Protein backbone atom coordinates (compact mmCIF):
# COMPACT_ATOMS: atom_id res chain seq x y z
CA MET A 1 79.55 131.65 150.70
CA ASN A 2 80.99 128.46 152.16
CA TRP A 3 84.65 127.73 152.85
CA THR A 4 85.08 125.24 150.00
CA HIS A 5 83.82 127.68 147.39
CA ALA A 6 85.78 130.59 148.88
CA LEU A 7 89.02 128.58 148.93
CA ALA A 8 88.57 127.41 145.34
CA ASP A 9 87.99 130.99 144.17
CA TYR A 10 90.92 132.26 146.23
CA LYS A 11 93.23 129.58 144.82
CA HIS A 12 92.22 130.57 141.30
CA TYR A 13 92.86 134.25 142.15
CA LEU A 14 96.32 133.49 143.54
CA LYS A 15 97.24 131.48 140.45
CA ILE A 16 95.73 133.60 137.67
CA GLU A 17 95.62 137.14 139.04
CA ARG A 18 98.72 137.12 141.23
CA GLY A 19 100.75 134.54 139.31
CA LEU A 20 102.10 132.87 142.44
CA ALA A 21 104.05 129.62 142.44
CA SER A 22 102.22 126.40 143.29
CA ASN A 23 104.06 125.96 146.61
CA THR A 24 103.20 129.50 147.66
CA ILE A 25 99.55 128.97 146.75
CA ASP A 26 99.48 125.71 148.69
CA ASN A 27 100.87 127.49 151.76
CA TYR A 28 98.22 130.23 151.57
CA ILE A 29 95.45 127.64 151.24
CA PHE A 30 96.92 125.53 154.05
CA ASP A 31 96.83 128.55 156.38
CA VAL A 32 93.14 129.15 155.73
CA LYS A 33 92.40 125.44 156.13
CA LYS A 34 93.87 125.62 159.64
CA LEU A 35 91.19 128.19 160.47
CA VAL A 36 88.48 126.04 158.87
CA LYS A 37 89.64 122.99 160.85
CA TYR A 38 89.58 124.99 164.07
CA LEU A 39 86.02 126.15 163.36
CA GLU A 40 84.92 122.58 162.65
CA ASP A 41 86.56 121.37 165.85
CA ILE A 42 84.65 123.88 167.99
CA GLY A 43 81.39 123.31 166.11
CA SER A 44 81.19 126.79 164.64
CA SER A 45 79.02 127.47 161.61
CA ALA A 46 80.82 130.72 160.73
CA ASN A 47 81.34 131.29 157.03
CA PRO A 48 84.04 133.37 155.32
CA ASP A 49 81.62 136.26 154.92
CA SER A 50 80.44 136.20 158.54
CA ILE A 51 83.34 135.09 160.74
CA SER A 52 84.25 137.54 163.49
CA SER A 53 87.68 138.85 164.35
CA GLU A 54 87.21 137.33 167.82
CA ALA A 55 86.79 133.83 166.37
CA ILE A 56 89.92 134.29 164.28
CA GLN A 57 91.86 135.57 167.28
CA GLN A 58 90.80 132.52 169.29
CA CYS A 59 92.00 130.27 166.47
CA ILE A 60 95.35 132.03 166.29
CA TYR A 61 95.68 131.79 170.07
CA GLN A 62 95.03 128.03 169.98
CA LEU A 63 97.45 127.53 167.08
CA SER A 64 100.12 129.61 168.82
CA LYS A 65 100.36 127.01 171.56
CA SER A 66 102.03 124.58 169.16
CA LEU A 67 103.74 126.84 166.61
CA ASN A 68 106.88 128.92 166.66
CA ALA A 69 106.74 132.68 166.09
CA ARG A 70 107.67 132.42 162.41
CA SER A 71 104.87 129.94 161.68
CA GLN A 72 102.40 132.11 163.59
CA SER A 73 103.40 135.14 161.52
CA ARG A 74 102.99 133.21 158.29
CA ILE A 75 99.50 132.05 159.25
CA ILE A 76 98.48 135.57 160.23
CA SER A 77 99.81 136.87 156.92
CA GLY A 78 98.01 134.13 155.00
CA LEU A 79 94.71 134.81 156.73
CA ARG A 80 95.07 138.56 156.19
CA SER A 81 95.64 137.93 152.48
CA PHE A 82 92.58 135.66 152.25
CA PHE A 83 90.30 138.20 153.88
CA ASP A 84 91.81 141.01 151.77
CA TYR A 85 90.77 138.94 148.76
CA LEU A 86 87.21 138.61 150.12
CA VAL A 87 87.03 142.39 150.58
CA PHE A 88 88.42 142.92 147.07
CA GLU A 89 85.71 140.63 145.67
CA ASN A 90 82.99 142.43 147.71
CA ILE A 91 82.22 139.27 149.67
CA ARG A 92 83.07 141.08 152.92
CA ARG A 93 82.95 144.75 153.80
CA ASP A 94 85.85 144.51 156.21
CA ASN A 95 88.93 142.45 156.88
CA PRO A 96 88.57 140.85 160.33
CA MET A 97 92.36 140.61 160.47
CA ASP A 98 92.77 144.40 160.58
């Protein structure tokens, strides 16, 4: 599964299944897109179903250099939610954020 497809499915899940507000959904998607951008910048071909916890930790570390603690916490929460969704949908067996 590629990032574009995973994000589209996740956005649909947040809207239909969880009934979240548009701004909240946009924030969740924005958080995952930060990870995708980081992966593109380093030339990684990791997909949502194969990315390692180490790669995510490196992304969070790089982002932490320019974000305050509250923003870091929100991104971590957003990523955890995204990977929880992938586990729920049987796309991943584990959440790399745990």
